[in-house]
N, C-alpha and C. Protein backbone atom coordinates (compact mmCIF):
# COMPACT_ATOMS: atom_id res chain seq x y z
N MET A 1 -11.92 5.48 188.40
CA MET A 1 -12.08 6.75 187.72
C MET A 1 -13.21 7.33 187.04
N LYS A 2 -14.18 6.19 186.42
CA LYS A 2 -15.30 6.54 185.73
C LYS A 2 -16.37 7.09 186.73
N GLN A 3 -16.33 6.81 187.90
CA GLN A 3 -17.13 7.32 188.90
C GLN A 3 -16.89 8.33 189.44
N GLU A 4 -15.61 8.67 189.39
CA GLU A 4 -14.79 10.08 189.95
C GLU A 4 -15.22 11.10 188.80
N ILE A 5 -15.05 10.57 187.59
CA ILE A 5 -15.41 11.67 186.73
C ILE A 5 -17.10 12.16 186.61
N ASN A 6 -17.97 10.98 186.85
CA ASN A 6 -19.44 11.30 186.87
C ASN A 6 -19.63 12.18 188.10
N ASN A 7 -19.24 11.95 189.02
CA ASN A 7 -19.24 12.71 190.29
C ASN A 7 -18.87 13.97 190.34
N GLN A 8 -17.75 14.30 189.42
CA GLN A 8 -17.40 15.76 189.08
C GLN A 8 -18.38 16.40 188.00
N THR A 9 -18.83 15.59 187.23
CA THR A 9 -19.93 15.93 186.37
C THR A 9 -21.01 16.83 187.00
N LYS A 10 -21.48 16.62 188.12
CA LYS A 10 -22.65 16.90 188.86
C LYS A 10 -22.50 17.91 189.57
N LYS A 11 -21.02 18.45 189.66
CA LYS A 11 -20.91 19.69 190.57
C LYS A 11 -21.52 20.97 189.87
N VAL A 12 -22.20 21.69 190.49
CA VAL A 12 -22.93 22.83 190.13
C VAL A 12 -21.69 24.03 189.90
N GLY A 13 -21.97 24.92 188.90
CA GLY A 13 -20.92 26.02 188.54
C GLY A 13 -19.95 25.54 187.74
N ARG A 14 -19.11 26.78 187.30
CA ARG A 14 -17.98 26.43 186.39
C ARG A 14 -17.04 26.93 187.14
N PRO A 15 -15.69 26.52 187.15
CA PRO A 15 -14.34 27.22 187.63
C PRO A 15 -14.18 28.38 186.90
N LYS A 16 -13.46 29.22 187.38
CA LYS A 16 -13.07 30.38 186.86
C LYS A 16 -12.37 30.29 185.58
N ASP A 17 -12.54 30.77 184.52
CA ASP A 17 -11.90 30.75 183.33
C ASP A 17 -10.73 31.54 183.14
N SER A 18 -9.61 30.80 183.13
CA SER A 18 -8.15 31.38 182.84
C SER A 18 -7.68 31.88 181.69
N GLY A 19 -8.98 31.89 180.65
CA GLY A 19 -8.50 32.76 179.15
C GLY A 19 -8.74 31.87 178.05
N CYS A 20 -8.62 30.40 178.70
CA CYS A 20 -8.69 29.40 177.57
C CYS A 20 -10.08 29.29 176.72
N GLY A 21 -11.24 29.73 177.59
CA GLY A 21 -12.56 29.92 177.10
C GLY A 21 -12.60 30.74 175.71
N LYS A 22 -11.64 32.02 175.95
CA LYS A 22 -12.05 32.77 174.90
C LYS A 22 -11.11 32.71 173.62
N SER A 23 -10.11 31.71 173.61
CA SER A 23 -9.16 31.14 172.67
C SER A 23 -9.79 29.90 171.80
N ALA A 24 -9.67 30.32 170.41
CA ALA A 24 -10.15 29.58 169.44
C ALA A 24 -9.47 28.37 169.48
N SER A 25 -10.40 27.24 168.95
CA SER A 25 -9.47 25.91 168.59
C SER A 25 -9.17 25.92 167.13
N LEU A 26 -7.97 25.95 166.82
CA LEU A 26 -7.65 26.03 165.32
C LEU A 26 -8.12 24.79 164.51
N THR A 27 -8.52 25.07 163.22
CA THR A 27 -9.09 24.18 162.33
C THR A 27 -7.56 23.81 161.63
N LYS A 28 -7.38 22.57 160.45
CA LYS A 28 -6.51 22.25 159.91
C LYS A 28 -5.99 23.46 158.68
N GLU A 29 -7.03 24.33 158.49
CA GLU A 29 -7.01 25.30 157.38
C GLU A 29 -6.16 26.44 158.13
N ASP A 30 -6.59 26.54 159.64
CA ASP A 30 -6.06 27.65 160.16
C ASP A 30 -4.47 27.42 160.60
N ILE A 31 -4.05 26.12 160.73
CA ILE A 31 -2.86 26.15 161.21
C ILE A 31 -1.78 26.02 159.63
N GLU A 32 -2.41 25.58 158.40
CA GLU A 32 -1.54 25.66 157.10
C GLU A 32 -1.44 27.11 157.21
N LEU A 33 -2.70 28.22 157.57
CA LEU A 33 -2.36 29.40 157.22
C LEU A 33 -1.27 29.98 158.12
N VAL A 34 -1.21 29.74 159.26
CA VAL A 34 0.05 30.01 160.22
C VAL A 34 1.30 29.59 159.86
N ILE A 35 1.46 28.38 159.31
CA ILE A 35 2.56 27.59 158.65
C ILE A 35 3.21 28.56 157.37
N LYS A 36 2.20 28.60 156.56
CA LYS A 36 2.52 29.63 155.37
C LYS A 36 2.94 30.73 155.77
N SER A 37 2.36 31.61 156.92
CA SER A 37 2.73 33.05 157.04
C SER A 37 3.95 33.20 157.73
N LEU A 38 4.64 31.99 158.28
CA LEU A 38 6.00 31.97 158.77
C LEU A 38 7.01 31.68 157.72
N ALA A 39 6.81 31.39 156.63
CA ALA A 39 7.55 30.83 155.48
C ALA A 39 8.73 32.30 155.19
N LYS A 40 9.77 32.17 155.19
CA LYS A 40 10.83 32.72 155.00
C LYS A 40 10.90 33.92 156.02
N THR A 41 10.21 33.96 157.25
CA THR A 41 10.54 34.96 158.14
C THR A 41 11.78 34.71 158.67
N THR A 42 12.11 35.63 159.74
CA THR A 42 13.51 35.53 160.31
C THR A 42 13.48 34.45 161.17
N HIS A 43 12.57 33.87 162.19
CA HIS A 43 12.48 32.89 162.99
C HIS A 43 11.85 31.90 162.51
N GLU A 44 11.79 31.52 161.21
CA GLU A 44 10.84 30.66 160.77
C GLU A 44 10.94 29.18 161.54
N ILE A 45 12.00 28.56 161.52
CA ILE A 45 12.20 27.14 162.32
C ILE A 45 11.69 27.01 163.63
N ARG A 46 12.03 28.11 164.38
CA ARG A 46 11.98 28.48 165.60
C ARG A 46 10.59 28.53 165.86
N ASN A 47 9.81 29.25 165.27
CA ASN A 47 8.33 29.42 165.23
C ASN A 47 7.69 28.30 164.74
N LYS A 48 7.87 27.62 163.98
CA LYS A 48 7.23 26.85 163.86
C LYS A 48 7.31 25.36 164.42
N THR A 49 8.43 25.26 165.03
CA THR A 49 8.50 24.39 166.24
C THR A 49 7.64 24.78 167.53
N ILE A 50 7.70 25.96 167.84
CA ILE A 50 6.87 26.43 168.81
C ILE A 50 5.38 25.94 168.54
N ILE A 51 4.81 26.30 167.45
CA ILE A 51 3.31 25.91 167.08
C ILE A 51 3.49 24.25 167.23
N TYR A 52 3.95 23.53 166.46
CA TYR A 52 3.81 22.38 166.52
C TYR A 52 4.14 21.74 167.88
N LEU A 53 5.07 21.88 168.58
CA LEU A 53 5.22 21.39 170.03
C LEU A 53 3.92 21.79 170.75
N GLY A 54 3.62 22.92 170.75
CA GLY A 54 2.25 22.95 171.42
C GLY A 54 1.11 22.45 171.07
N LEU A 55 0.97 22.41 169.84
CA LEU A 55 -0.33 21.70 169.30
C LEU A 55 -0.10 19.97 169.54
N GLY A 56 0.76 19.51 169.62
CA GLY A 56 1.40 18.27 169.82
C GLY A 56 1.68 17.86 171.11
N SER A 57 1.56 18.63 172.07
CA SER A 57 1.75 18.30 173.54
C SER A 57 0.45 18.67 174.24
N ALA A 58 -0.12 19.83 174.14
CA ALA A 58 -0.90 20.71 175.30
C ALA A 58 -0.44 21.03 176.28
N MET A 59 0.98 21.22 175.93
CA MET A 59 1.79 21.86 177.18
C MET A 59 1.22 23.85 177.43
N ARG A 60 1.31 24.37 178.30
CA ARG A 60 1.14 25.62 178.24
C ARG A 60 2.12 26.49 177.67
N VAL A 61 1.76 27.60 177.26
CA VAL A 61 3.51 28.23 176.76
C VAL A 61 4.17 28.53 177.64
N SER A 62 3.78 29.02 178.96
CA SER A 62 4.62 29.11 180.12
C SER A 62 5.68 27.93 180.56
N GLU A 63 5.06 26.55 180.09
CA GLU A 63 5.78 25.42 180.26
C GLU A 63 6.52 25.36 179.12
N ILE A 64 6.29 25.67 177.91
CA ILE A 64 7.15 25.42 176.77
C ILE A 64 8.31 26.58 176.81
N CYS A 65 8.14 27.60 177.39
CA CYS A 65 9.40 28.60 177.32
C CYS A 65 10.54 28.07 178.31
N ASN A 66 9.98 27.40 179.26
CA ASN A 66 10.93 27.14 180.31
C ASN A 66 11.77 25.75 180.07
N LEU A 67 11.48 25.12 178.74
CA LEU A 67 12.29 23.98 178.17
C LEU A 67 13.65 24.17 178.11
N SER A 68 14.69 23.17 178.46
CA SER A 68 15.76 23.22 178.22
C SER A 68 16.27 22.16 177.17
N ILE A 69 17.49 22.41 176.70
CA ILE A 69 18.00 21.29 175.57
C ILE A 69 17.87 19.84 176.18
N SER A 70 18.14 19.65 177.60
CA SER A 70 17.94 18.31 178.13
C SER A 70 16.69 17.68 178.38
N SER A 71 15.59 18.81 178.47
CA SER A 71 14.29 18.38 178.51
C SER A 71 13.63 17.56 177.33
N ILE A 72 14.21 17.77 176.10
CA ILE A 72 13.88 17.26 175.15
C ILE A 72 14.94 16.07 174.25
N LEU A 73 16.20 16.28 174.64
CA LEU A 73 17.31 15.13 174.05
C LEU A 73 17.42 14.32 175.13
N ASP A 74 17.54 13.12 174.80
CA ASP A 74 18.38 12.23 175.81
C ASP A 74 20.00 12.09 175.69
N GLU A 75 20.43 11.15 176.35
CA GLU A 75 21.95 11.58 176.50
C GLU A 75 22.67 11.00 175.49
N LYS A 76 21.99 10.47 174.32
CA LYS A 76 22.54 10.08 173.17
C LYS A 76 22.15 11.38 171.92
N GLY A 77 21.44 12.17 172.30
CA GLY A 77 21.11 13.52 171.41
C GLY A 77 19.81 13.27 170.87
N LYS A 78 19.13 12.07 171.10
CA LYS A 78 18.00 11.86 170.19
C LYS A 78 16.34 12.41 171.07
N ILE A 79 15.45 13.09 170.27
CA ILE A 79 14.59 13.40 170.64
C ILE A 79 13.55 12.45 171.76
N LYS A 80 13.24 12.84 172.87
CA LYS A 80 12.69 11.99 173.89
C LYS A 80 11.41 11.86 173.38
N ASP A 81 10.93 10.51 173.77
CA ASP A 81 9.29 10.79 173.75
C ASP A 81 8.45 11.03 174.66
N GLU A 82 9.04 11.32 175.86
CA GLU A 82 8.54 11.89 177.03
C GLU A 82 9.03 12.96 177.32
N ILE A 83 8.39 14.10 177.96
CA ILE A 83 9.03 15.09 178.74
C ILE A 83 8.78 15.19 180.05
N ILE A 84 9.43 15.44 180.95
CA ILE A 84 9.04 15.52 182.44
C ILE A 84 9.16 16.98 182.81
N LEU A 85 8.13 17.50 183.21
CA LEU A 85 7.95 18.89 183.47
C LEU A 85 8.16 19.11 184.92
N SER A 86 8.86 19.79 185.42
CA SER A 86 9.01 19.89 187.22
C SER A 86 8.13 20.72 187.97
N LYS A 87 7.82 20.33 188.82
CA LYS A 87 6.86 21.27 189.74
C LYS A 87 6.91 22.63 189.59
N HIS A 88 8.26 23.15 189.36
CA HIS A 88 8.65 24.60 189.29
C HIS A 88 8.24 25.47 187.86
N THR A 89 7.62 24.57 187.07
CA THR A 89 7.55 25.26 185.60
C THR A 89 5.70 24.80 185.49
N THR A 90 5.22 24.16 186.11
CA THR A 90 3.81 23.73 185.87
C THR A 90 2.81 24.78 186.67
N LYS A 91 1.60 24.96 186.25
CA LYS A 91 0.81 26.03 186.96
C LYS A 91 0.53 25.43 188.11
N ASN A 92 -0.05 23.92 188.29
CA ASN A 92 -0.43 23.59 189.61
C ASN A 92 0.51 23.41 190.66
N GLY A 93 2.12 23.26 190.07
CA GLY A 93 3.28 23.04 190.90
C GLY A 93 3.48 21.51 191.22
N LYS A 94 2.89 21.03 190.36
CA LYS A 94 2.89 19.18 190.39
C LYS A 94 3.82 18.80 189.01
N SER A 95 4.86 17.99 189.43
CA SER A 95 5.59 17.65 188.17
C SER A 95 4.52 16.53 187.21
N ARG A 96 4.80 16.89 186.01
CA ARG A 96 4.01 16.09 185.00
C ARG A 96 4.62 15.46 184.17
N ASN A 97 4.15 14.44 183.40
CA ASN A 97 4.97 13.73 182.20
C ASN A 97 4.24 13.70 181.03
N VAL A 98 4.72 14.43 179.95
CA VAL A 98 3.86 14.75 178.70
C VAL A 98 4.79 14.23 177.42
N PHE A 99 3.48 13.52 176.78
CA PHE A 99 4.45 12.60 175.64
C PHE A 99 4.03 13.69 174.47
N LEU A 100 4.83 13.28 173.43
CA LEU A 100 4.66 14.16 172.33
C LEU A 100 4.27 13.72 170.94
N SER A 101 3.51 14.30 170.16
CA SER A 101 3.09 13.47 168.65
C SER A 101 4.13 13.41 168.21
N ASN A 102 4.14 12.69 166.84
CA ASN A 102 5.05 12.22 165.81
C ASN A 102 5.55 13.52 165.18
N GLN A 103 4.42 14.09 164.88
CA GLN A 103 4.89 15.66 163.95
C GLN A 103 5.60 16.66 164.76
N SER A 104 5.39 16.47 166.16
CA SER A 104 6.01 17.59 166.87
C SER A 104 7.40 17.08 167.27
N LYS A 105 7.65 15.66 167.05
CA LYS A 105 8.95 15.33 167.16
C LYS A 105 9.79 15.35 166.08
N ARG A 106 9.12 15.43 164.96
CA ARG A 106 9.88 15.41 163.61
C ARG A 106 10.52 16.90 163.65
N GLN A 107 9.13 18.11 163.79
CA GLN A 107 9.83 19.22 163.86
C GLN A 107 11.02 19.73 164.77
N LEU A 108 10.86 18.93 166.10
CA LEU A 108 11.75 19.15 167.01
C LEU A 108 13.34 18.82 166.39
N CYS A 109 13.18 17.79 165.65
CA CYS A 109 14.55 17.24 164.99
C CYS A 109 14.88 18.12 164.00
N GLU A 110 14.14 18.80 163.12
CA GLU A 110 14.50 19.84 162.21
C GLU A 110 15.31 21.16 163.20
N TYR A 111 14.75 21.46 164.26
CA TYR A 111 14.86 22.44 164.79
C TYR A 111 16.51 22.42 165.43
N ILE A 112 16.47 21.36 165.89
CA ILE A 112 17.88 20.75 166.83
C ILE A 112 18.64 20.76 165.94
N LYS A 113 18.50 20.11 164.56
CA LYS A 113 19.72 20.43 163.75
C LYS A 113 20.03 21.56 163.05
N PHE A 114 18.99 22.77 163.22
CA PHE A 114 19.23 24.22 163.03
C PHE A 114 20.01 24.84 163.93
N LEU A 115 19.51 24.35 165.25
CA LEU A 115 20.64 24.77 166.28
C LEU A 115 22.14 24.36 166.27
N LYS A 116 22.13 23.20 166.06
CA LYS A 116 23.57 22.68 165.99
C LYS A 116 24.21 23.37 164.91
N ASP A 117 23.64 23.35 163.79
CA ASP A 117 24.43 24.36 162.75
C ASP A 117 24.68 25.68 162.87
N GLU A 118 23.93 25.96 163.88
CA GLU A 118 24.02 27.80 164.29
C GLU A 118 25.10 27.69 165.41
N ARG A 119 25.04 26.73 166.61
CA ARG A 119 25.69 27.17 167.75
C ARG A 119 27.05 26.21 167.70
N LYS A 120 27.08 24.89 166.95
CA LYS A 120 27.84 24.08 166.83
C LYS A 120 27.84 23.03 167.88
N ALA A 121 27.78 23.38 169.30
CA ALA A 121 27.51 22.80 170.48
C ALA A 121 26.47 23.20 171.16
N LEU A 122 25.69 22.10 171.63
CA LEU A 122 24.66 22.52 172.49
C LEU A 122 24.70 22.15 174.08
N ASN A 123 24.46 23.14 174.97
CA ASN A 123 24.61 22.95 176.65
C ASN A 123 23.11 22.38 176.86
N PRO A 124 23.42 21.22 177.86
CA PRO A 124 22.24 20.66 177.92
C PRO A 124 21.23 21.58 178.71
N THR A 125 21.81 22.53 179.38
CA THR A 125 21.02 23.41 180.41
C THR A 125 20.70 24.71 179.59
N ASP A 126 20.94 24.77 178.33
CA ASP A 126 20.56 26.32 177.50
C ASP A 126 19.16 25.96 177.33
N PRO A 127 18.36 27.09 177.25
CA PRO A 127 16.88 27.19 176.67
C PRO A 127 16.89 26.45 175.65
N LEU A 128 15.72 25.95 175.43
CA LEU A 128 15.62 25.31 174.17
C LEU A 128 15.11 26.66 173.11
N PHE A 129 14.19 27.24 173.43
CA PHE A 129 13.81 28.59 172.65
C PHE A 129 14.51 29.95 173.51
N PRO A 130 15.80 30.14 173.05
CA PRO A 130 16.35 31.22 173.69
C PRO A 130 16.00 32.63 173.16
N SER A 131 15.80 33.76 174.40
CA SER A 131 15.52 34.90 173.95
C SER A 131 16.47 35.74 173.01
N GLN A 132 16.26 36.96 172.69
CA GLN A 132 17.61 37.77 172.22
C GLN A 132 18.57 37.76 173.11
N LYS A 133 18.48 37.64 174.57
CA LYS A 133 19.72 38.01 175.20
C LYS A 133 20.36 36.46 175.56
N GLY A 134 19.68 35.39 175.14
CA GLY A 134 20.01 34.44 175.11
C GLY A 134 19.87 33.57 176.23
N GLY A 135 19.13 34.19 177.17
CA GLY A 135 18.61 33.36 178.26
C GLY A 135 17.17 32.91 178.00
N PHE A 136 16.47 32.57 178.95
CA PHE A 136 15.19 31.88 178.80
C PHE A 136 14.09 32.95 178.75
N PHE A 137 13.11 32.85 177.65
CA PHE A 137 12.02 34.05 177.85
C PHE A 137 11.27 33.96 178.96
N ASN A 138 10.64 35.06 179.39
CA ASN A 138 9.81 35.15 180.46
C ASN A 138 8.28 34.96 179.97
N THR A 139 7.47 34.30 180.81
CA THR A 139 6.36 33.76 180.34
C THR A 139 5.42 34.92 179.26
N ASN A 140 5.45 36.43 179.64
CA ASN A 140 4.94 37.23 179.32
C ASN A 140 5.25 37.59 177.51
N ALA A 141 6.29 37.57 177.47
CA ALA A 141 7.29 37.98 176.52
C ALA A 141 7.18 36.58 175.56
N PHE A 142 7.08 35.51 176.16
CA PHE A 142 6.67 34.30 175.11
C PHE A 142 5.35 34.36 174.66
N THR A 143 4.42 34.61 175.51
CA THR A 143 3.18 34.74 175.23
C THR A 143 2.74 35.62 174.08
N GLN A 144 3.32 36.63 174.22
CA GLN A 144 3.48 37.86 173.22
C GLN A 144 3.75 37.62 172.01
N LEU A 145 4.79 36.55 171.89
CA LEU A 145 5.32 35.91 170.78
C LEU A 145 4.50 35.38 169.85
N VAL A 146 3.78 34.20 170.50
CA VAL A 146 2.91 33.40 169.82
C VAL A 146 1.66 34.05 169.47
N ASN A 147 1.13 35.07 170.18
CA ASN A 147 0.04 36.17 170.10
C ASN A 147 0.39 36.58 168.38
N ARG A 148 1.30 37.02 168.42
CA ARG A 148 2.15 38.10 167.16
C ARG A 148 1.84 36.89 165.99
N ILE A 149 2.40 35.76 166.38
CA ILE A 149 2.52 34.47 165.06
C ILE A 149 0.98 34.33 164.64
N PHE A 150 -0.17 34.54 165.39
CA PHE A 150 -1.32 34.13 165.04
C PHE A 150 -1.79 35.59 164.19
N LYS A 151 -1.39 36.82 164.90
CA LYS A 151 -2.08 37.74 164.21
C LYS A 151 -1.57 38.23 162.90
N SER A 152 -0.16 37.88 162.61
CA SER A 152 0.29 37.61 161.45
C SER A 152 -0.11 36.87 160.42
N ALA A 153 -1.25 35.74 160.84
CA ALA A 153 -1.47 34.83 159.87
C ALA A 153 -3.12 35.18 160.06
N ASN A 154 -3.52 36.08 160.72
CA ASN A 154 -4.79 36.81 160.53
C ASN A 154 -5.68 35.46 161.11
N ILE A 155 -5.43 35.00 162.06
CA ILE A 155 -6.39 34.07 162.69
C ILE A 155 -7.65 34.42 163.67
N ASN A 156 -8.70 34.89 163.37
CA ASN A 156 -9.63 35.46 164.31
C ASN A 156 -9.61 34.49 165.71
N ASN A 157 -9.67 35.43 166.69
CA ASN A 157 -9.65 34.81 168.05
C ASN A 157 -8.32 33.70 168.61
N ALA A 158 -7.61 33.69 167.80
CA ALA A 158 -6.55 32.61 168.30
C ALA A 158 -5.56 33.31 168.98
N LYS A 159 -5.32 32.93 170.21
CA LYS A 159 -4.06 33.41 171.17
C LYS A 159 -3.36 32.44 171.49
N SER A 160 -2.30 32.53 172.12
CA SER A 160 -1.07 31.54 172.58
C SER A 160 -1.92 30.36 173.21
N HIS A 161 -2.89 30.52 173.92
CA HIS A 161 -3.63 29.39 174.38
C HIS A 161 -4.14 28.43 173.58
N SER A 162 -4.42 29.04 172.42
CA SER A 162 -5.03 28.07 171.42
C SER A 162 -4.24 27.10 170.87
N LEU A 163 -3.30 26.82 171.28
CA LEU A 163 -2.35 25.41 171.06
C LEU A 163 -2.90 24.61 171.76
N ARG A 164 -2.63 24.79 173.23
CA ARG A 164 -3.47 23.97 174.15
C ARG A 164 -4.88 23.42 173.96
N VAL A 165 -5.66 24.57 173.40
CA VAL A 165 -7.01 24.36 173.39
C VAL A 165 -7.19 23.29 172.01
N SER A 166 -6.48 23.55 171.04
CA SER A 166 -6.62 22.65 170.04
C SER A 166 -5.98 21.36 170.08
N CYS A 167 -5.25 21.36 170.78
CA CYS A 167 -4.83 19.65 171.05
C CYS A 167 -5.49 19.06 171.82
N ILE A 168 -6.47 19.56 172.92
CA ILE A 168 -7.34 19.14 173.61
C ILE A 168 -8.38 18.95 172.74
N ASN A 169 -8.87 19.76 172.12
CA ASN A 169 -10.07 19.43 171.25
C ASN A 169 -10.03 18.35 169.90
N ARG A 170 -8.72 18.08 169.42
CA ARG A 170 -8.25 17.47 168.43
C ARG A 170 -8.26 15.74 169.15
N LEU A 171 -7.67 15.55 170.43
CA LEU A 171 -7.90 14.43 170.95
C LEU A 171 -9.09 14.12 171.45
N ARG A 172 -10.13 15.06 171.74
CA ARG A 172 -11.40 14.64 172.17
C ARG A 172 -12.17 14.02 170.99
N GLU A 173 -11.84 14.74 169.57
CA GLU A 173 -12.42 14.55 168.41
C GLU A 173 -12.00 13.00 168.04
N ASN A 174 -10.96 12.72 168.37
CA ASN A 174 -10.16 11.38 167.86
C ASN A 174 -10.60 10.23 168.91
N CYS A 175 -11.74 10.70 169.83
CA CYS A 175 -12.32 9.60 171.00
C CYS A 175 -11.37 9.03 171.70
N VAL A 176 -10.25 10.22 172.20
CA VAL A 176 -9.42 9.82 173.26
C VAL A 176 -10.11 9.80 174.73
N ASP A 177 -9.83 9.09 175.46
CA ASP A 177 -10.87 9.14 176.92
C ASP A 177 -10.45 10.28 177.56
N LEU A 178 -11.18 10.65 178.29
CA LEU A 178 -10.99 11.83 178.93
C LEU A 178 -9.97 11.76 180.10
N TYR A 179 -9.83 10.73 180.88
CA TYR A 179 -9.02 10.54 181.71
C TYR A 179 -7.45 10.59 181.16
N THR A 180 -7.10 9.87 179.84
CA THR A 180 -6.00 10.00 179.52
C THR A 180 -5.71 11.52 178.91
N ILE A 181 -6.53 12.44 178.53
CA ILE A 181 -6.29 13.69 178.24
C ILE A 181 -6.15 14.72 179.27
N MET A 182 -6.78 14.13 180.67
CA MET A 182 -6.43 14.99 181.85
C MET A 182 -4.76 14.57 182.20
N GLN A 183 -4.46 13.35 182.27
CA GLN A 183 -2.87 13.05 182.48
C GLN A 183 -2.20 13.94 181.58
N GLN A 184 -2.54 14.10 180.49
CA GLN A 184 -1.53 14.58 179.42
C GLN A 184 -1.67 16.12 179.81
N THR A 185 -2.72 16.72 180.10
CA THR A 185 -2.98 18.30 180.36
C THR A 185 -2.48 18.48 181.79
N GLY A 186 -2.37 17.37 182.81
CA GLY A 186 -2.47 17.73 184.37
C GLY A 186 -3.71 18.50 185.10
N HIS A 187 -4.82 18.55 184.27
CA HIS A 187 -5.92 18.84 185.09
C HIS A 187 -6.17 17.58 185.79
N ALA A 188 -6.70 18.07 187.51
CA ALA A 188 -7.22 17.33 188.32
C ALA A 188 -8.71 17.18 188.10
N HIS A 189 -9.36 18.04 187.47
CA HIS A 189 -10.87 17.97 187.45
C HIS A 189 -11.39 18.02 186.22
N LEU A 190 -12.40 17.10 185.99
CA LEU A 190 -12.94 17.35 184.74
C LEU A 190 -13.70 18.32 184.47
N SER A 191 -14.02 18.91 185.50
CA SER A 191 -14.92 20.31 185.07
C SER A 191 -13.85 21.67 184.80
N THR A 192 -12.58 21.48 184.97
CA THR A 192 -11.57 22.16 184.26
C THR A 192 -11.20 22.06 182.84
N LEU A 193 -11.19 20.83 182.74
CA LEU A 193 -10.82 20.29 181.40
C LEU A 193 -12.15 20.73 180.40
N GLN A 194 -13.41 20.56 180.90
CA GLN A 194 -14.49 21.25 180.20
C GLN A 194 -14.37 22.61 179.60
N ILE A 195 -13.80 23.33 180.32
CA ILE A 195 -13.67 24.70 179.89
C ILE A 195 -13.11 25.08 178.46
N TYR A 196 -12.43 23.83 178.07
CA TYR A 196 -11.58 24.08 176.60
C TYR A 196 -12.07 23.07 175.73
N PHE A 197 -13.43 22.63 176.10
CA PHE A 197 -14.12 21.86 174.87
C PHE A 197 -14.70 22.95 174.05
N ARG A 198 -15.03 22.75 172.78
CA ARG A 198 -15.65 23.95 171.84
C ARG A 198 -16.29 22.82 170.77
N GLU A 199 -17.49 23.51 170.61
CA GLU A 199 -18.74 22.97 169.94
C GLU A 199 -18.00 22.65 168.66
N ASN A 200 -18.58 21.39 167.78
CA ASN A 200 -18.18 20.93 166.50
C ASN A 200 -19.28 20.62 165.70
N PRO A 201 -20.16 21.55 165.32
CA PRO A 201 -21.30 20.80 164.62
C PRO A 201 -21.45 19.75 163.62
N ALA A 202 -19.85 19.59 162.72
CA ALA A 202 -19.81 18.56 161.98
C ALA A 202 -19.77 17.35 162.66
N ASN A 203 -18.72 17.47 163.54
CA ASN A 203 -19.04 16.12 164.43
C ASN A 203 -20.32 15.47 165.02
N GLN A 204 -21.08 16.57 165.57
CA GLN A 204 -22.36 16.28 166.43
C GLN A 204 -23.30 15.40 165.14
N LYS A 205 -23.12 16.10 163.87
CA LYS A 205 -24.12 15.56 162.83
C LYS A 205 -23.45 14.20 162.35
N LYS A 206 -21.94 14.01 162.36
CA LYS A 206 -21.73 12.75 162.02
C LYS A 206 -22.05 12.05 163.04
N ALA A 207 -21.90 11.99 164.45
CA ALA A 207 -22.22 11.43 165.48
C ALA A 207 -23.59 10.45 165.41
N MET A 208 -24.50 11.56 164.98
CA MET A 208 -26.00 11.33 164.83
C MET A 208 -26.27 10.21 163.52
N GLU A 209 -25.77 10.65 162.46
CA GLU A 209 -25.98 10.10 161.28
C GLU A 209 -25.50 8.58 161.23
N ASN A 210 -24.53 8.27 162.40
CA ASN A 210 -23.91 7.04 162.34
C ASN A 210 -24.65 6.08 163.10
N LEU A 211 -25.87 6.65 164.25
CA LEU A 211 -26.13 5.93 165.05
C LEU A 211 -27.56 5.16 164.64
N LYS A 212 -27.42 4.05 165.12
CA LYS A 212 -28.11 2.70 164.86
C LYS A 212 -28.94 2.25 166.19
N PHE A 213 -29.70 1.43 165.86
CA PHE A 213 -30.46 0.78 167.14
C PHE A 213 -30.93 -0.72 166.55
């Protein structure tokens, strides 16, 4: 895989930007502002779950809005460690296994408890995030929902894709190898993943300060 990555890096040009290149990578302070802005709003728990699930999985919003109850709960009603995305819900038409951060799983636990208190019983085929009509959100409506959350928090250049961008950059900052990140995101080519990378002068400074010979 290392040789494959090196070969991809040498390719000339960049693939078409799908929008991720314009979406900000959220800082810790940005995320705190978003969560604070959701306090005591109508759909606080639902929207917090959407935010943490995106940040803790690198899933696209189009993949998140198609999740059902059975996508995240096992037969015993426990939160799964791994979500299997079907080829019908992914952008490239290929199924993908996605692991969740502990933070996103804790938030999902809170959200599921909220749903059980509200609905009493959960149908495995029900949408995890139901629309006002009770069915699945369409991708455009769900995207606009996430965009409104960021707008309410006054986060500059933050869009729905910022959740995926932020997760990818945090993994990279934590020195997770690129092959593992590509498995999580479903990218087949390093050149596509690189579009998500954001400059971080602080990390650059730290890397050089710790350099020794």
